[in-house]
């Protein structure tokens, strides 16, 4: 499906998806290292709380990024408020002036 989008001007969408996947992979890697540290029992109470907080923040941010990527695929690259993002809105503005 990503290939189909790329052919229809979806090059920026493909790049955004690749970036999102890269960020998700990094976040998952960090969360895995946090779990390993906690399971090893080497972290004291304060560090455990800090690590759990970091893991929670990573999970929430990953969820938001994934949701944005899904919205971009399903609805095009529209912003949450319904306006088109970046390049698309500039093209639309140019078209309306012509």
N, C-alpha and C. Protein backbone atom coordinates (compact mmCIF):
# COMPACT_ATOMS: atom_id res chain seq x y z
N UNK A 1 0.82 -1.19 0.00
CA UNK A 1 0.00 0.00 0.00
C UNK A 1 0.86 1.26 0.00
N UNK A 2 1.98 1.23 0.72
CA UNK A 2 2.87 2.39 0.76
C UNK A 2 3.40 2.68 -0.62
N UNK A 3 3.71 1.63 -1.41
CA UNK A 3 4.19 1.81 -2.77
C UNK A 3 3.14 2.50 -3.63
N UNK A 4 1.87 2.13 -3.45
CA UNK A 4 0.80 2.76 -4.20
C UNK A 4 0.71 4.24 -3.86
N UNK A 5 0.86 4.58 -2.60
CA UNK A 5 0.81 5.98 -2.18
C UNK A 5 1.98 6.76 -2.74
N UNK A 6 3.14 6.14 -2.79
CA UNK A 6 4.33 6.81 -3.31
C UNK A 6 4.12 7.21 -4.76
N UNK A 7 3.46 6.37 -5.52
CA UNK A 7 3.21 6.69 -6.91
C UNK A 7 2.24 7.83 -7.09
N UNK A 8 1.43 8.11 -6.12
CA UNK A 8 0.42 9.16 -6.19
C UNK A 8 0.82 10.36 -5.35
N UNK A 9 2.10 10.71 -5.37
CA UNK A 9 2.55 11.86 -4.60
C UNK A 9 2.77 11.55 -3.15
N UNK A 10 2.89 10.29 -2.79
CA UNK A 10 3.04 9.91 -1.40
C UNK A 10 4.48 9.76 -0.96
N UNK A 11 5.43 10.34 -1.73
CA UNK A 11 6.83 10.21 -1.35
C UNK A 11 7.06 10.74 0.06
N UNK A 12 6.44 11.90 0.36
CA UNK A 12 6.63 12.46 1.70
C UNK A 12 5.95 11.58 2.75
N UNK A 13 4.84 10.95 2.38
CA UNK A 13 4.17 10.04 3.30
C UNK A 13 5.04 8.83 3.58
N UNK A 14 5.65 8.29 2.53
CA UNK A 14 6.54 7.15 2.70
C UNK A 14 7.69 7.52 3.62
N UNK A 15 8.27 8.69 3.42
CA UNK A 15 9.36 9.15 4.28
C UNK A 15 8.91 9.32 5.72
N UNK A 16 7.72 9.85 5.90
CA UNK A 16 7.19 10.04 7.25
C UNK A 16 6.97 8.70 7.94
N UNK A 17 6.46 7.73 7.17
CA UNK A 17 6.24 6.40 7.74
C UNK A 17 7.56 5.75 8.13
N UNK A 18 8.56 5.87 7.26
CA UNK A 18 9.87 5.30 7.57
C UNK A 18 10.46 5.96 8.82
N UNK A 19 10.30 7.27 8.93
CA UNK A 19 10.78 7.99 10.11
C UNK A 19 10.05 7.52 11.36
N UNK A 20 8.73 7.37 11.25
CA UNK A 20 7.94 6.91 12.39
C UNK A 20 8.37 5.52 12.82
N UNK A 21 8.56 4.62 11.84
CA UNK A 21 8.99 3.27 12.16
C UNK A 21 10.37 3.27 12.81
N UNK A 22 11.25 4.12 12.32
CA UNK A 22 12.58 4.23 12.92
C UNK A 22 12.50 4.70 14.36
N UNK A 23 11.66 5.72 14.61
CA UNK A 23 11.49 6.22 15.97
C UNK A 23 10.86 5.17 16.88
N UNK A 24 9.89 4.42 16.34
CA UNK A 24 9.26 3.37 17.14
C UNK A 24 10.27 2.29 17.48
N UNK A 25 11.11 1.93 16.53
CA UNK A 25 12.13 0.91 16.77
C UNK A 25 13.10 1.36 17.86
N UNK A 26 13.50 2.63 17.81
CA UNK A 26 14.39 3.16 18.85
C UNK A 26 13.70 3.13 20.22
N UNK A 27 12.45 3.54 20.25
CA UNK A 27 11.71 3.56 21.52
C UNK A 27 11.54 2.16 22.08
N UNK A 28 11.22 1.21 21.23
CA UNK A 28 11.07 -0.17 21.68
C UNK A 28 12.39 -0.69 22.23
N UNK A 29 13.49 -0.38 21.55
CA UNK A 29 14.80 -0.80 22.03
C UNK A 29 15.10 -0.23 23.41
N UNK A 30 14.78 1.05 23.60
CA UNK A 30 15.02 1.67 24.91
C UNK A 30 14.13 1.04 25.98
N UNK A 31 12.86 0.79 25.63
CA UNK A 31 11.96 0.16 26.60
C UNK A 31 12.43 -1.24 26.96
N UNK A 32 12.96 -1.98 25.99
CA UNK A 32 13.50 -3.31 26.29
C UNK A 32 14.68 -3.23 27.24
N UNK A 33 15.55 -2.25 27.06
CA UNK A 33 16.69 -2.11 27.97
C UNK A 33 16.23 -1.72 29.37
N UNK A 34 15.17 -0.93 29.45
CA UNK A 34 14.62 -0.56 30.76
C UNK A 34 14.08 -1.82 31.46
N UNK A 35 13.35 -2.63 30.73
CA UNK A 35 12.79 -3.86 31.30
C UNK A 35 13.92 -4.77 31.79
N UNK A 36 14.96 -4.91 30.99
CA UNK A 36 16.09 -5.74 31.40
C UNK A 36 16.74 -5.22 32.68
N UNK A 37 16.89 -3.90 32.76
CA UNK A 37 17.49 -3.30 33.95
C UNK A 37 16.60 -3.56 35.17
N UNK A 38 15.31 -3.40 35.01
CA UNK A 38 14.39 -3.62 36.13
C UNK A 38 14.34 -5.10 36.53
N UNK A 39 14.32 -5.97 35.54
CA UNK A 39 14.29 -7.41 35.84
C UNK A 39 15.55 -7.89 36.52
N UNK A 40 16.67 -7.25 36.23
CA UNK A 40 17.94 -7.63 36.85
C UNK A 40 17.96 -7.26 38.33
N UNK A 41 17.08 -6.37 38.73
CA UNK A 41 17.01 -5.98 40.14
C UNK A 41 18.15 -5.10 40.59
N UNK A 42 18.87 -4.49 39.66
CA UNK A 42 20.01 -3.66 40.00
C UNK A 42 19.65 -2.21 40.32
N UNK A 43 18.45 -1.80 39.92
CA UNK A 43 18.04 -0.41 40.13
C UNK A 43 17.45 -0.25 41.52
N UNK A 44 17.83 0.85 42.18
CA UNK A 44 17.21 1.14 43.48
C UNK A 44 15.80 1.69 43.23
N UNK A 45 15.11 1.99 44.32
CA UNK A 45 13.71 2.41 44.22
C UNK A 45 13.57 3.68 43.38
N UNK A 46 14.39 4.68 43.62
CA UNK A 46 14.28 5.94 42.89
C UNK A 46 14.57 5.76 41.40
N UNK A 47 15.61 4.99 41.09
CA UNK A 47 15.92 4.74 39.69
C UNK A 47 14.81 3.93 39.03
N UNK A 48 14.22 3.00 39.75
CA UNK A 48 13.12 2.20 39.20
C UNK A 48 11.94 3.09 38.82
N UNK A 49 11.62 4.03 39.69
CA UNK A 49 10.53 4.97 39.41
C UNK A 49 10.87 5.81 38.18
N UNK A 50 12.11 6.29 38.10
CA UNK A 50 12.54 7.09 36.96
C UNK A 50 12.46 6.28 35.66
N UNK A 51 12.92 5.03 35.71
CA UNK A 51 12.89 4.17 34.53
C UNK A 51 11.46 3.85 34.10
N UNK A 52 10.60 3.57 35.06
CA UNK A 52 9.19 3.30 34.74
C UNK A 52 8.52 4.53 34.14
N UNK A 53 8.85 5.69 34.66
CA UNK A 53 8.30 6.94 34.11
C UNK A 53 8.78 7.14 32.68
N UNK A 54 10.08 6.91 32.45
CA UNK A 54 10.62 7.04 31.09
C UNK A 54 9.95 6.06 30.13
N UNK A 55 9.80 4.82 30.57
CA UNK A 55 9.16 3.80 29.72
C UNK A 55 7.72 4.18 29.40
N UNK A 56 7.01 4.70 30.38
CA UNK A 56 5.63 5.13 30.17
C UNK A 56 5.57 6.28 29.17
N UNK A 57 6.47 7.26 29.30
CA UNK A 57 6.50 8.38 28.37
C UNK A 57 6.83 7.90 26.95
N UNK A 58 7.78 6.97 26.84
CA UNK A 58 8.12 6.41 25.53
C UNK A 58 6.92 5.69 24.92
N UNK A 59 6.22 4.93 25.71
CA UNK A 59 5.05 4.20 25.22
C UNK A 59 3.95 5.15 24.76
N UNK A 60 3.69 6.20 25.52
CA UNK A 60 2.66 7.17 25.14
C UNK A 60 3.05 7.91 23.86
N UNK A 61 4.31 8.34 23.77
CA UNK A 61 4.76 9.05 22.57
C UNK A 61 4.73 8.13 21.36
N UNK A 62 5.13 6.88 21.54
CA UNK A 62 5.08 5.91 20.44
C UNK A 62 3.64 5.71 19.96
N UNK A 63 2.73 5.64 20.89
CA UNK A 63 1.32 5.48 20.54
C UNK A 63 0.82 6.69 19.74
N UNK A 64 1.20 7.89 20.16
CA UNK A 64 0.80 9.10 19.44
C UNK A 64 1.38 9.11 18.03
N UNK A 65 2.66 8.76 17.90
CA UNK A 65 3.30 8.74 16.58
C UNK A 65 2.63 7.72 15.66
N UNK A 66 2.34 6.56 16.21
CA UNK A 66 1.69 5.52 15.41
C UNK A 66 0.30 5.97 14.98
N UNK A 67 -0.43 6.59 15.88
CA UNK A 67 -1.77 7.08 15.56
C UNK A 67 -1.71 8.14 14.47
N UNK A 68 -0.73 9.05 14.54
CA UNK A 68 -0.57 10.06 13.49
C UNK A 68 -0.26 9.41 12.15
N UNK A 69 0.61 8.40 12.15
CA UNK A 69 0.96 7.70 10.92
C UNK A 69 -0.27 7.03 10.32
N UNK A 70 -1.09 6.40 11.15
CA UNK A 70 -2.31 5.75 10.67
C UNK A 70 -3.26 6.80 10.10
N UNK A 71 -3.40 7.93 10.79
CA UNK A 71 -4.28 8.99 10.28
C UNK A 71 -3.78 9.51 8.94
N UNK A 72 -2.46 9.67 8.79
CA UNK A 72 -1.90 10.12 7.52
C UNK A 72 -2.24 9.14 6.41
N UNK A 73 -2.20 7.85 6.71
CA UNK A 73 -2.51 6.85 5.69
C UNK A 73 -4.00 6.87 5.36
N UNK A 74 -4.83 6.89 6.39
CA UNK A 74 -6.27 6.79 6.18
C UNK A 74 -6.86 8.07 5.62
N UNK A 75 -6.47 9.21 6.16
CA UNK A 75 -7.09 10.49 5.80
C UNK A 75 -6.21 11.37 4.93
N UNK A 76 -5.07 10.89 4.51
CA UNK A 76 -4.12 11.76 3.82
C UNK A 76 -3.30 12.47 4.88
N UNK A 77 -2.51 13.44 4.51
CA UNK A 77 -1.71 14.10 5.52
C UNK A 77 -2.38 15.35 6.03
N UNK A 78 -3.57 15.20 6.55
CA UNK A 78 -4.28 16.31 7.18
C UNK A 78 -3.91 16.39 8.64
N UNK A 79 -3.89 17.60 9.15
CA UNK A 79 -3.63 17.81 10.57
C UNK A 79 -4.89 17.44 11.34
N UNK A 80 -4.74 17.29 12.66
CA UNK A 80 -5.88 16.90 13.50
C UNK A 80 -7.03 17.89 13.41
N UNK A 81 -6.74 19.19 13.17
CA UNK A 81 -7.79 20.19 13.10
C UNK A 81 -8.48 20.23 11.74
N UNK A 82 -8.07 19.32 10.83
CA UNK A 82 -8.69 19.24 9.52
C UNK A 82 -7.95 20.02 8.46
N UNK A 83 -6.99 20.85 8.85
CA UNK A 83 -6.22 21.58 7.85
C UNK A 83 -5.14 20.69 7.28
N UNK A 84 -4.78 20.96 6.04
CA UNK A 84 -3.73 20.15 5.43
C UNK A 84 -2.39 20.65 5.90
N UNK A 85 -1.45 19.73 5.99
CA UNK A 85 -0.15 20.09 6.53
C UNK A 85 0.79 20.56 5.45
N UNK A 86 1.73 21.39 5.85
CA UNK A 86 2.89 21.78 5.09
C UNK A 86 2.71 22.00 3.62
N UNK A 87 3.38 21.18 2.84
CA UNK A 87 3.48 21.32 1.41
C UNK A 87 2.11 21.29 0.73
N UNK A 88 1.22 20.42 1.18
CA UNK A 88 -0.09 20.29 0.55
C UNK A 88 -0.90 21.57 0.68
N UNK A 89 -0.87 22.21 1.85
CA UNK A 89 -1.64 23.44 2.03
C UNK A 89 -1.04 24.56 1.20
N UNK A 90 0.29 24.59 1.02
CA UNK A 90 0.92 25.60 0.18
C UNK A 90 0.52 25.42 -1.27
N UNK A 91 0.49 24.19 -1.74
CA UNK A 91 0.07 23.91 -3.11
C UNK A 91 -1.37 24.33 -3.31
N UNK A 92 -2.21 24.00 -2.34
CA UNK A 92 -3.63 24.36 -2.43
C UNK A 92 -3.78 25.86 -2.45
N UNK A 93 -3.01 26.60 -1.67
CA UNK A 93 -3.07 28.07 -1.64
C UNK A 93 -2.66 28.63 -3.00
N UNK A 94 -1.58 28.09 -3.58
CA UNK A 94 -1.13 28.54 -4.90
C UNK A 94 -2.20 28.27 -5.94
N UNK A 95 -2.82 27.11 -5.89
CA UNK A 95 -3.84 26.76 -6.87
C UNK A 95 -5.04 27.71 -6.78
N UNK A 96 -5.42 28.11 -5.59
CA UNK A 96 -6.57 28.96 -5.43
C UNK A 96 -6.30 30.39 -5.92
N UNK A 97 -5.02 30.79 -5.92
CA UNK A 97 -4.67 32.13 -6.39
C UNK A 97 -4.63 32.19 -7.91
N UNK A 98 -4.43 31.08 -8.56
CA UNK A 98 -4.29 31.08 -10.03
C UNK A 98 -5.59 31.22 -10.73
